[in-house]
N, C-alpha and C. Protein backbone atom coordinates (compact mmCIF):
# COMPACT_ATOMS: atom_id res chain seq x y z
N MET A 1 1.06 -1.14 0.06
CA MET A 1 0.03 -0.37 -0.14
C MET A 1 0.89 1.27 -0.18
N ASN A 2 0.71 1.85 -0.71
CA ASN A 2 1.25 3.83 -0.94
C ASN A 2 0.76 4.21 -0.14
N ARG A 3 1.58 5.05 0.69
CA ARG A 3 1.04 6.23 1.73
C ARG A 3 1.88 7.53 1.07
N THR A 4 1.25 8.57 0.83
CA THR A 4 1.28 9.71 0.30
C THR A 4 1.00 10.78 1.65
N GLU A 5 2.15 11.45 1.71
CA GLU A 5 2.05 12.41 3.05
C GLU A 5 2.28 14.00 2.29
N GLN A 6 1.59 15.07 3.16
CA GLN A 6 1.84 16.25 2.61
C GLN A 6 3.47 16.51 3.38
N PRO A 7 4.22 17.36 2.39
CA PRO A 7 5.51 17.76 2.83
C PRO A 7 5.47 19.08 4.11
N ALA A 8 6.59 18.80 4.84
CA ALA A 8 6.28 19.81 6.08
C ALA A 8 6.52 21.42 5.40
N PRO A 9 5.56 22.14 6.10
CA PRO A 9 5.84 23.89 5.65
C PRO A 9 7.19 24.09 5.39
N ALA A 10 7.70 24.78 4.81
CA ALA A 10 8.87 25.35 4.38
C ALA A 10 9.15 26.12 5.65
N THR A 11 10.60 26.23 5.86
CA THR A 11 11.18 26.73 6.88
C THR A 11 10.86 28.34 6.98
N PRO A 12 10.66 29.18 7.99
CA PRO A 12 10.52 30.29 7.80
C PRO A 12 11.91 31.16 7.09
N ALA A 13 13.00 30.75 6.72
CA ALA A 13 14.17 31.13 6.40
C ALA A 13 13.72 31.93 4.71
N HIS A 14 12.83 31.04 4.23
CA HIS A 14 12.20 31.63 2.73
C HIS A 14 10.94 30.54 2.56
N ALA A 15 10.20 31.46 2.80
CA ALA A 15 9.02 30.52 2.62
C ALA A 15 7.67 31.15 1.97
N CYS A 16 6.99 30.87 1.15
CA CYS A 16 5.80 31.54 0.56
C CYS A 16 4.62 30.71 0.53
N PHE A 17 3.73 31.52 0.01
CA PHE A 17 2.23 30.96 0.19
C PHE A 17 1.48 31.74 -0.64
N THR A 18 0.98 31.18 -1.61
CA THR A 18 0.10 32.06 -2.70
C THR A 18 -1.09 31.08 -2.98
N LEU A 19 -2.39 31.67 -3.08
CA LEU A 19 -3.52 31.12 -3.45
C LEU A 19 -4.43 32.39 -4.10
N ARG A 20 -5.17 31.85 -5.08
CA ARG A 20 -6.33 32.94 -5.68
C ARG A 20 -7.69 32.74 -5.02
N PHE A 21 -8.10 33.79 -4.82
CA PHE A 21 -9.59 33.61 -3.82
C PHE A 21 -10.67 34.40 -4.93
N SER A 22 -11.97 33.98 -4.81
CA SER A 22 -13.14 34.56 -5.27
C SER A 22 -13.29 36.00 -5.10
N SER A 23 -13.25 37.08 -5.83
CA SER A 23 -13.64 38.58 -5.35
C SER A 23 -14.99 38.73 -4.59
N THR A 24 -15.08 38.21 -3.44
CA THR A 24 -16.27 38.23 -2.69
C THR A 24 -15.51 38.32 -1.23
N PRO A 25 -16.71 38.80 -0.48
CA PRO A 25 -16.34 39.20 0.95
C PRO A 25 -15.87 37.75 1.78
N ARG A 26 -17.02 36.46 1.18
CA ARG A 26 -16.12 35.24 1.46
C ARG A 26 -14.58 34.96 0.91
N GLY A 27 -14.45 35.41 -0.10
CA GLY A 27 -13.04 34.92 -0.67
C GLY A 27 -12.22 35.71 0.62
N ALA A 28 -12.45 37.16 0.87
CA ALA A 28 -11.61 37.73 1.37
C ALA A 28 -11.46 37.23 3.19
N ARG A 29 -12.49 36.72 3.62
CA ARG A 29 -12.72 36.15 4.89
C ARG A 29 -11.81 34.48 4.89
N LEU A 30 -11.79 33.92 3.80
CA LEU A 30 -11.04 33.02 3.70
C LEU A 30 -9.64 33.00 3.39
N ALA A 31 -9.39 34.11 2.60
CA ALA A 31 -7.82 34.47 2.37
C ALA A 31 -6.86 34.70 4.09
N ARG A 32 -7.83 35.61 4.49
CA ARG A 32 -7.55 35.83 6.07
C ARG A 32 -7.33 34.83 6.82
N ARG A 33 -8.23 33.94 6.73
CA ARG A 33 -8.21 32.58 7.74
C ARG A 33 -7.13 31.25 7.42
N LEU A 34 -6.85 31.28 6.05
CA LEU A 34 -5.86 30.61 5.67
C LEU A 34 -4.40 30.97 5.89
N CYS A 35 -4.26 32.27 5.21
CA CYS A 35 -3.04 33.35 5.77
C CYS A 35 -2.52 33.08 6.96
N GLY A 36 -3.85 33.01 8.26
CA GLY A 36 -3.77 33.05 9.58
C GLY A 36 -2.82 31.66 9.90
N GLU A 37 -3.58 30.58 9.20
CA GLU A 37 -2.91 29.47 9.57
C GLU A 37 -1.43 29.13 8.85
N ARG A 38 -1.23 29.71 7.94
CA ARG A 38 0.02 29.92 7.46
C ARG A 38 1.16 30.56 8.40
N LEU A 39 0.94 31.46 9.02
CA LEU A 39 1.40 32.02 9.93
C LEU A 39 2.05 31.61 11.02
N ASP A 40 0.94 30.61 11.65
CA ASP A 40 1.06 30.04 13.06
C ASP A 40 2.05 28.88 12.22
N SER A 41 2.09 28.08 11.37
CA SER A 41 2.73 27.09 10.88
C SER A 41 4.15 27.90 10.75
N TRP A 42 4.64 29.01 10.49
CA TRP A 42 5.70 29.54 10.34
C TRP A 42 6.30 30.05 11.77
N GLY A 43 5.87 29.93 12.92
CA GLY A 43 6.27 30.63 13.90
C GLY A 43 5.70 31.43 14.38
N VAL A 44 4.75 31.99 13.91
CA VAL A 44 3.92 33.22 14.38
C VAL A 44 2.65 32.99 14.77
N PRO A 45 2.28 32.64 16.54
CA PRO A 45 1.28 31.60 16.66
C PRO A 45 0.17 32.50 16.78
N TYR A 46 -1.00 32.16 16.64
CA TYR A 46 -2.64 32.47 17.06
C TYR A 46 -2.47 33.22 18.15
N GLY A 47 -3.06 34.34 18.12
CA GLY A 47 -3.05 34.94 19.41
C GLY A 47 -1.83 36.36 19.84
N SER A 48 -0.70 35.85 19.15
CA SER A 48 0.17 37.01 19.64
C SER A 48 0.07 38.33 18.79
N ASP A 49 0.50 39.32 18.99
CA ASP A 49 0.31 40.62 18.67
C ASP A 49 0.73 40.97 17.11
N ASP A 50 1.74 40.21 16.91
CA ASP A 50 2.29 39.91 15.65
C ASP A 50 1.48 39.32 14.56
N HIS A 51 0.74 38.18 15.12
CA HIS A 51 -0.06 37.57 14.29
C HIS A 51 -1.37 38.22 13.75
N ASP A 52 -1.62 38.90 14.99
CA ASP A 52 -2.92 39.87 15.22
C ASP A 52 -2.93 41.19 14.14
N VAL A 53 -1.60 41.39 13.78
CA VAL A 53 -1.32 42.58 13.10
C VAL A 53 -1.17 41.99 11.51
N LEU A 54 -0.42 40.98 11.27
CA LEU A 54 -0.44 40.34 10.02
C LEU A 54 -1.78 39.96 9.41
N SER A 55 -2.49 39.18 10.26
CA SER A 55 -3.86 39.02 9.62
C SER A 55 -4.77 40.46 9.40
N LEU A 56 -4.53 41.32 10.15
CA LEU A 56 -5.33 42.44 9.80
C LEU A 56 -4.74 42.92 8.62
N LEU A 57 -3.37 42.97 8.51
CA LEU A 57 -2.77 43.75 6.83
C LEU A 57 -3.49 42.77 5.92
N VAL A 58 -3.81 41.30 5.90
CA VAL A 58 -4.27 40.74 5.13
C VAL A 58 -5.80 40.81 4.94
N SER A 59 -6.41 41.18 5.73
CA SER A 59 -7.94 41.45 5.95
C SER A 59 -7.96 42.75 5.31
N GLU A 60 -7.34 43.74 5.72
CA GLU A 60 -7.59 45.03 4.93
C GLU A 60 -7.41 45.15 3.37
N LEU A 61 -6.14 44.40 2.96
CA LEU A 61 -5.75 44.57 1.49
C LEU A 61 -6.50 43.35 0.84
N ALA A 62 -7.10 42.36 1.24
CA ALA A 62 -8.04 41.60 0.50
C ALA A 62 -9.33 42.29 0.68
N ALA A 63 -9.61 42.97 1.69
CA ALA A 63 -11.10 43.70 1.52
C ALA A 63 -10.69 44.49 0.66
N ASN A 64 -10.00 45.44 0.22
CA ASN A 64 -9.65 46.36 -0.76
C ASN A 64 -9.97 45.74 -2.01
N ALA A 65 -9.21 44.67 -1.90
CA ALA A 65 -9.27 43.86 -3.57
C ALA A 65 -10.57 43.61 -3.95
N VAL A 66 -11.71 42.96 -2.78
CA VAL A 66 -12.93 42.72 -3.32
C VAL A 66 -14.18 44.30 -3.52
N THR A 67 -13.68 45.23 -2.79
CA THR A 67 -14.41 46.37 -2.72
C THR A 67 -14.08 47.10 -3.97
N HIS A 68 -12.55 47.40 -3.99
CA HIS A 68 -12.19 48.34 -5.06
C HIS A 68 -11.66 48.00 -6.37
N GLY A 69 -11.49 46.51 -6.28
CA GLY A 69 -10.26 46.07 -7.51
C GLY A 69 -11.38 45.04 -7.93
N HIS A 70 -12.45 44.68 -7.69
CA HIS A 70 -13.28 43.84 -8.21
C HIS A 70 -13.73 44.19 -9.71
N VAL A 71 -13.39 43.08 -10.65
CA VAL A 71 -13.79 43.01 -11.78
C VAL A 71 -14.97 41.90 -12.13
N ALA A 72 -15.56 41.78 -12.73
CA ALA A 72 -16.84 40.48 -12.54
C ALA A 72 -15.82 39.24 -13.27
N GLY A 73 -16.12 38.11 -12.72
CA GLY A 73 -15.33 37.22 -13.27
C GLY A 73 -13.97 37.39 -12.98
N ARG A 74 -13.41 37.59 -12.29
CA ARG A 74 -12.27 37.63 -11.77
C ARG A 74 -11.77 37.31 -10.53
N ASP A 75 -10.62 36.73 -9.84
CA ASP A 75 -10.17 36.45 -9.04
C ASP A 75 -9.37 37.85 -8.39
N PHE A 76 -8.80 37.62 -7.07
CA PHE A 76 -7.86 38.36 -6.45
C PHE A 76 -6.82 37.22 -5.95
N ARG A 77 -5.52 37.58 -6.07
CA ARG A 77 -4.40 36.52 -5.37
C ARG A 77 -3.82 37.34 -4.23
N VAL A 78 -3.21 36.28 -3.26
CA VAL A 78 -2.70 36.77 -2.05
C VAL A 78 -1.55 36.09 -1.83
N HIS A 79 -0.26 36.16 -1.79
CA HIS A 79 0.83 36.06 -2.07
C HIS A 79 1.98 36.59 -0.43
N LEU A 80 2.18 35.60 0.32
CA LEU A 80 2.84 35.71 1.33
C LEU A 80 4.26 35.47 1.44
N LEU A 81 5.02 36.10 1.69
CA LEU A 81 6.65 35.48 1.53
C LEU A 81 7.56 35.99 2.74
N ALA A 82 7.93 35.13 3.80
CA ALA A 82 8.32 34.95 4.53
C ALA A 82 9.93 35.29 4.62
N HIS A 83 10.74 35.85 5.01
CA HIS A 83 12.24 35.57 5.05
C HIS A 83 12.89 36.02 6.49
N ALA A 84 14.14 35.39 6.49
CA ALA A 84 14.60 35.75 7.96
C ALA A 84 15.89 35.85 7.73
N ALA A 85 16.74 37.11 8.31
CA ALA A 85 18.21 37.08 8.08
C ALA A 85 18.91 35.81 8.86
N PRO A 86 19.89 35.23 8.32
CA PRO A 86 20.39 34.16 8.97
C PRO A 86 21.18 34.68 10.21
N GLY A 87 20.74 34.24 11.25
CA GLY A 87 21.57 34.04 12.55
C GLY A 87 20.38 35.27 13.55
N THR A 88 19.40 35.71 13.08
CA THR A 88 18.62 36.43 13.60
C THR A 88 17.49 36.21 13.69
N PRO A 89 16.61 36.48 15.26
CA PRO A 89 15.51 35.80 15.24
C PRO A 89 14.17 36.81 14.92
N SER A 90 14.88 37.64 13.87
CA SER A 90 13.28 38.55 13.48
C SER A 90 13.05 37.53 11.79
N LEU A 91 11.68 37.99 11.51
CA LEU A 91 11.17 37.64 10.55
C LEU A 91 10.02 38.47 9.91
N THR A 92 10.72 38.69 8.35
CA THR A 92 9.99 39.63 7.52
C THR A 92 9.15 38.92 6.91
N VAL A 93 7.67 39.48 6.88
CA VAL A 93 6.53 38.89 6.15
C VAL A 93 6.57 39.76 5.53
N ARG A 94 6.06 39.54 4.00
CA ARG A 94 5.68 40.58 2.85
C ARG A 94 4.13 40.01 2.20
N VAL A 95 2.85 40.57 2.52
CA VAL A 95 1.75 40.29 1.99
C VAL A 95 1.60 41.15 0.78
N GLU A 96 0.99 40.28 -0.25
CA GLU A 96 1.17 41.15 -1.65
C GLU A 96 -0.36 40.61 -1.95
N VAL A 97 -1.31 41.28 -2.54
CA VAL A 97 -2.96 41.69 -2.80
C VAL A 97 -2.73 41.87 -4.05
N THR A 98 -3.36 41.05 -5.18
CA THR A 98 -3.29 41.47 -6.82
C THR A 98 -4.72 41.39 -7.06
N ASP A 99 -5.16 42.37 -7.43
CA ASP A 99 -6.33 42.27 -8.26
C ASP A 99 -6.50 42.89 -9.73
N THR A 100 -7.40 42.84 -10.42
CA THR A 100 -7.19 42.53 -12.08
C THR A 100 -7.79 44.08 -12.17
N ARG A 101 -7.79 45.32 -11.34
CA ARG A 101 -8.46 46.35 -11.82
C ARG A 101 -7.23 47.51 -11.81
N GLY A 102 -6.27 48.10 -12.72
CA GLY A 102 -5.53 49.04 -11.93
C GLY A 102 -5.67 50.53 -12.74
N ASP A 103 -6.74 50.76 -12.58
CA ASP A 103 -7.20 51.95 -13.17
C ASP A 103 -6.97 53.28 -11.95
N ALA A 104 -6.80 52.66 -10.77
CA ALA A 104 -6.94 53.73 -9.77
C ALA A 104 -6.12 52.98 -8.79
N LEU A 105 -4.79 53.34 -8.35
CA LEU A 105 -4.00 53.14 -7.43
C LEU A 105 -4.22 53.75 -6.19
N PRO A 106 -4.26 52.69 -5.02
CA PRO A 106 -4.59 53.48 -3.66
C PRO A 106 -3.70 54.27 -3.07
N GLU A 107 -4.00 55.28 -2.48
CA GLU A 107 -3.76 56.14 -1.43
C GLU A 107 -4.45 56.22 -0.16
N PRO A 108 -3.97 56.05 1.10
CA PRO A 108 -4.54 56.12 2.33
C PRO A 108 -5.19 57.58 2.17
N ALA A 109 -6.36 57.37 2.77
CA ALA A 109 -7.21 58.71 2.96
C ALA A 109 -7.01 59.25 4.33
N ALA A 110 -6.89 60.69 4.07
CA ALA A 110 -6.65 61.53 5.03
C ALA A 110 -7.87 61.35 6.11
N PRO A 111 -7.92 61.46 7.57
CA PRO A 111 -8.95 61.55 8.56
C PRO A 111 -10.01 62.55 7.85
N ALA A 112 -11.26 61.94 8.10
CA ALA A 112 -12.47 63.38 7.76
C ALA A 112 -12.20 64.49 8.46
N ALA A 113 -12.34 65.55 8.13
CA ALA A 113 -12.38 67.01 8.90
C ALA A 113 -13.88 67.12 9.52
N ASP A 114 -14.63 66.87 8.96
CA ASP A 114 -15.93 67.37 9.46
C ASP A 114 -16.47 65.86 10.41
N SER A 115 -17.00 66.19 11.39
CA SER A 115 -17.69 65.73 12.43
C SER A 115 -18.70 64.68 12.03
N ALA A 116 -19.62 64.78 11.03
CA ALA A 116 -20.44 64.03 10.47
C ALA A 116 -19.79 62.82 9.96
N ALA A 117 -18.66 62.69 9.12
CA ALA A 117 -18.56 61.73 8.54
C ALA A 117 -17.15 61.10 9.23
N GLY A 118 -16.45 61.60 10.24
CA GLY A 118 -15.33 61.02 11.01
C GLY A 118 -15.70 59.94 12.02
N PRO A 119 -16.11 59.95 13.29
CA PRO A 119 -15.86 59.11 14.11
C PRO A 119 -17.10 57.91 13.59
N ALA A 120 -18.21 58.36 12.92
CA ALA A 120 -19.47 57.46 12.51
C ALA A 120 -19.26 56.76 11.43
N ARG A 121 -18.39 57.49 10.74
CA ARG A 121 -17.72 56.70 9.42
C ARG A 121 -17.33 55.43 9.51
N THR A 122 -17.86 54.38 8.53
CA THR A 122 -17.36 52.67 9.20
C THR A 122 -16.64 52.48 7.75
N GLY A 123 -16.16 53.18 6.67
CA GLY A 123 -15.54 52.61 5.81
C GLY A 123 -14.48 53.70 5.37
N GLY A 124 -13.33 53.40 4.45
CA GLY A 124 -12.56 54.06 3.88
C GLY A 124 -11.15 54.23 4.83
N ARG A 125 -11.00 53.31 6.17
CA ARG A 125 -10.01 53.50 6.94
C ARG A 125 -8.79 52.57 6.47
N GLY A 126 -9.20 51.71 5.83
CA GLY A 126 -8.28 50.10 5.44
C GLY A 126 -6.75 50.83 5.53
N LEU A 127 -6.60 51.38 4.40
CA LEU A 127 -4.99 52.03 4.08
C LEU A 127 -4.45 52.66 5.14
N LEU A 128 -5.22 53.61 6.04
CA LEU A 128 -4.81 54.08 7.01
C LEU A 128 -4.27 53.11 8.27
N LEU A 129 -5.04 52.25 8.68
CA LEU A 129 -4.73 51.15 9.46
C LEU A 129 -3.36 50.30 8.99
N VAL A 130 -3.19 50.09 7.31
CA VAL A 130 -2.23 49.61 6.95
C VAL A 130 -0.82 50.22 6.97
N GLU A 131 -1.02 51.67 6.96
CA GLU A 131 0.30 52.51 6.64
C GLU A 131 0.61 52.59 8.34
N ALA A 132 -0.26 52.73 9.29
CA ALA A 132 -0.08 52.60 10.68
C ALA A 132 0.78 51.31 11.16
N LEU A 133 0.18 50.12 10.50
CA LEU A 133 0.75 48.76 11.31
C LEU A 133 2.05 48.31 10.60
N ALA A 134 1.71 48.51 9.02
CA ALA A 134 2.99 47.83 8.52
C ALA A 134 4.43 48.71 8.54
N ASP A 135 5.54 48.21 8.10
CA ASP A 135 6.89 48.95 8.28
C ASP A 135 6.92 49.68 7.00
N ARG A 136 6.64 49.17 6.14
CA ARG A 136 6.50 49.30 4.70
C ARG A 136 5.26 49.19 4.13
N TRP A 137 4.73 49.97 3.01
CA TRP A 137 3.64 49.72 2.09
C TRP A 137 3.76 50.30 0.71
N GLY A 138 3.08 49.65 -0.27
CA GLY A 138 3.02 50.37 -1.24
C GLY A 138 2.40 49.50 -2.38
N CYS A 139 2.30 50.03 -3.95
CA CYS A 139 1.47 49.11 -4.91
C CYS A 139 2.57 49.84 -6.12
N ALA A 140 1.84 48.73 -7.15
CA ALA A 140 2.68 48.45 -8.28
C ALA A 140 1.59 48.02 -9.23
N PRO A 141 1.81 48.53 -10.55
CA PRO A 141 1.18 47.91 -11.62
C PRO A 141 1.37 46.12 -11.58
N ARG A 142 0.13 45.41 -11.69
CA ARG A 142 0.46 44.04 -11.84
C ARG A 142 1.42 43.59 -13.01
N PRO A 143 2.30 42.89 -13.25
CA PRO A 143 3.31 42.22 -13.79
C PRO A 143 2.88 41.30 -15.09
N ASP A 144 2.06 40.65 -14.55
CA ASP A 144 1.40 39.47 -15.47
C ASP A 144 0.16 39.79 -15.99
N GLY A 145 -0.33 40.98 -16.30
CA GLY A 145 -1.56 41.45 -16.83
C GLY A 145 -2.22 42.82 -16.37
N PRO A 146 -3.60 42.77 -16.76
CA PRO A 146 -3.92 44.46 -16.16
C PRO A 146 -4.46 44.14 -14.50
N GLY A 147 -4.08 45.31 -13.60
CA GLY A 147 -4.25 45.23 -12.31
C GLY A 147 -3.10 45.78 -11.34
N LYS A 148 -3.22 45.46 -10.13
CA LYS A 148 -2.29 45.94 -9.52
C LYS A 148 -1.89 45.11 -8.34
N THR A 149 -0.88 45.16 -7.87
CA THR A 149 -0.76 44.25 -6.73
C THR A 149 -0.23 45.69 -5.32
N VAL A 150 -0.88 45.54 -4.29
CA VAL A 150 -0.53 46.12 -3.08
C VAL A 150 0.05 45.32 -2.19
N TRP A 151 0.89 45.90 -1.29
CA TRP A 151 1.73 45.00 -0.85
C TRP A 151 2.20 45.78 0.53
N ALA A 152 2.47 44.85 1.59
CA ALA A 152 2.66 45.44 3.01
C ALA A 152 3.89 44.71 3.83
N GLU A 153 4.90 45.37 4.14
CA GLU A 153 5.63 44.14 5.12
C GLU A 153 5.83 44.73 6.35
N TYR A 154 6.04 43.45 7.06
CA TYR A 154 5.92 43.53 8.43
C TYR A 154 6.96 42.85 9.23
N THR A 155 7.56 43.39 10.28
CA THR A 155 8.67 42.43 10.77
C THR A 155 8.61 42.00 12.25
N VAL A 156 8.37 40.49 12.23
CA VAL A 156 8.32 40.01 13.71
C VAL A 156 9.52 39.90 14.22
N ALA A 157 9.73 40.54 15.37
CA ALA A 157 11.08 40.43 16.14
C ALA A 157 11.51 39.06 16.62
N ARG A 158 10.39 38.50 17.08
CA ARG A 158 10.94 37.16 17.24
C ARG A 158 9.66 36.10 17.39
N TYR A 159 10.00 35.07 16.40
CA TYR A 159 9.08 34.13 16.02
C TYR A 159 9.74 32.46 16.47
N GLY A 160 9.01 31.66 16.66
CA GLY A 160 9.13 30.50 17.25
C GLY A 160 8.99 29.33 16.21
N PRO A 161 9.64 27.97 16.85
CA PRO A 161 9.53 26.97 15.96
C PRO A 161 7.67 26.87 15.55
N PRO A 162 7.83 26.18 14.36
CA PRO A 162 6.18 26.01 13.95
C PRO A 162 5.45 24.98 14.98
N THR A 163 4.22 25.52 15.19
CA THR A 163 3.48 24.70 16.42
C THR A 163 3.02 23.47 15.66
N THR A 164 2.55 22.63 16.60
CA THR A 164 2.10 21.77 16.22
C THR A 164 0.89 21.29 17.12
N ARG A 165 -0.40 20.93 16.76
CA ARG A 165 -1.46 20.45 17.13
C ARG A 165 -2.23 18.93 16.90
N GLY A 166 -2.78 18.58 17.91
CA GLY A 166 -3.38 17.69 17.82
C GLY A 166 -2.70 16.07 17.88
N THR A 167 -1.48 16.47 18.50
CA THR A 167 -0.48 15.51 18.70
C THR A 167 -1.15 14.71 20.16
N GLY A 168 -1.70 15.36 21.11
CA GLY A 168 -1.91 14.45 22.52
C GLY A 168 -2.71 13.75 22.00
N SER A 169 -3.20 12.58 23.15
CA SER A 169 -3.90 11.39 22.90
C SER A 169 -5.23 11.53 24.22
N ARG A 170 -6.01 10.81 24.01
CA ARG A 170 -7.35 10.85 24.79
C ARG A 170 -7.23 9.79 25.81
């Protein structure tokens, strides 16, 4: 009998994760969840501040792709890239979200000056969060077709070995 096993996740020294998602709120939610699982497997544990920040970056960029980069029948792509400098405990994670609409490049909106749109406003703050939380962020035209790639980088000061779950017995 042949047994096929999934390979272990790549070491965070150079690891990447890429998937396409439907350009819907469900696709954005799935992107955040799957990226969260991958971050945990790379040693950025669930519940840590670093995991929360990276999950929020994925969430905001994916939501923007769905809201502002949506083209009917086209998906968006999420690419996570993690790299660690040899001999250091830090891990830099780059989050890239690519959509197929390149007619307007994103810029963070200035906070609203008038009180009617200020605190009660529920949208338009995503890139302000990205700018506040990421070490660096930017956008570029999509190299392999129409659209754009919006990216953010965040450095995790310390990350641990990949976690293992479900290894205990009852």
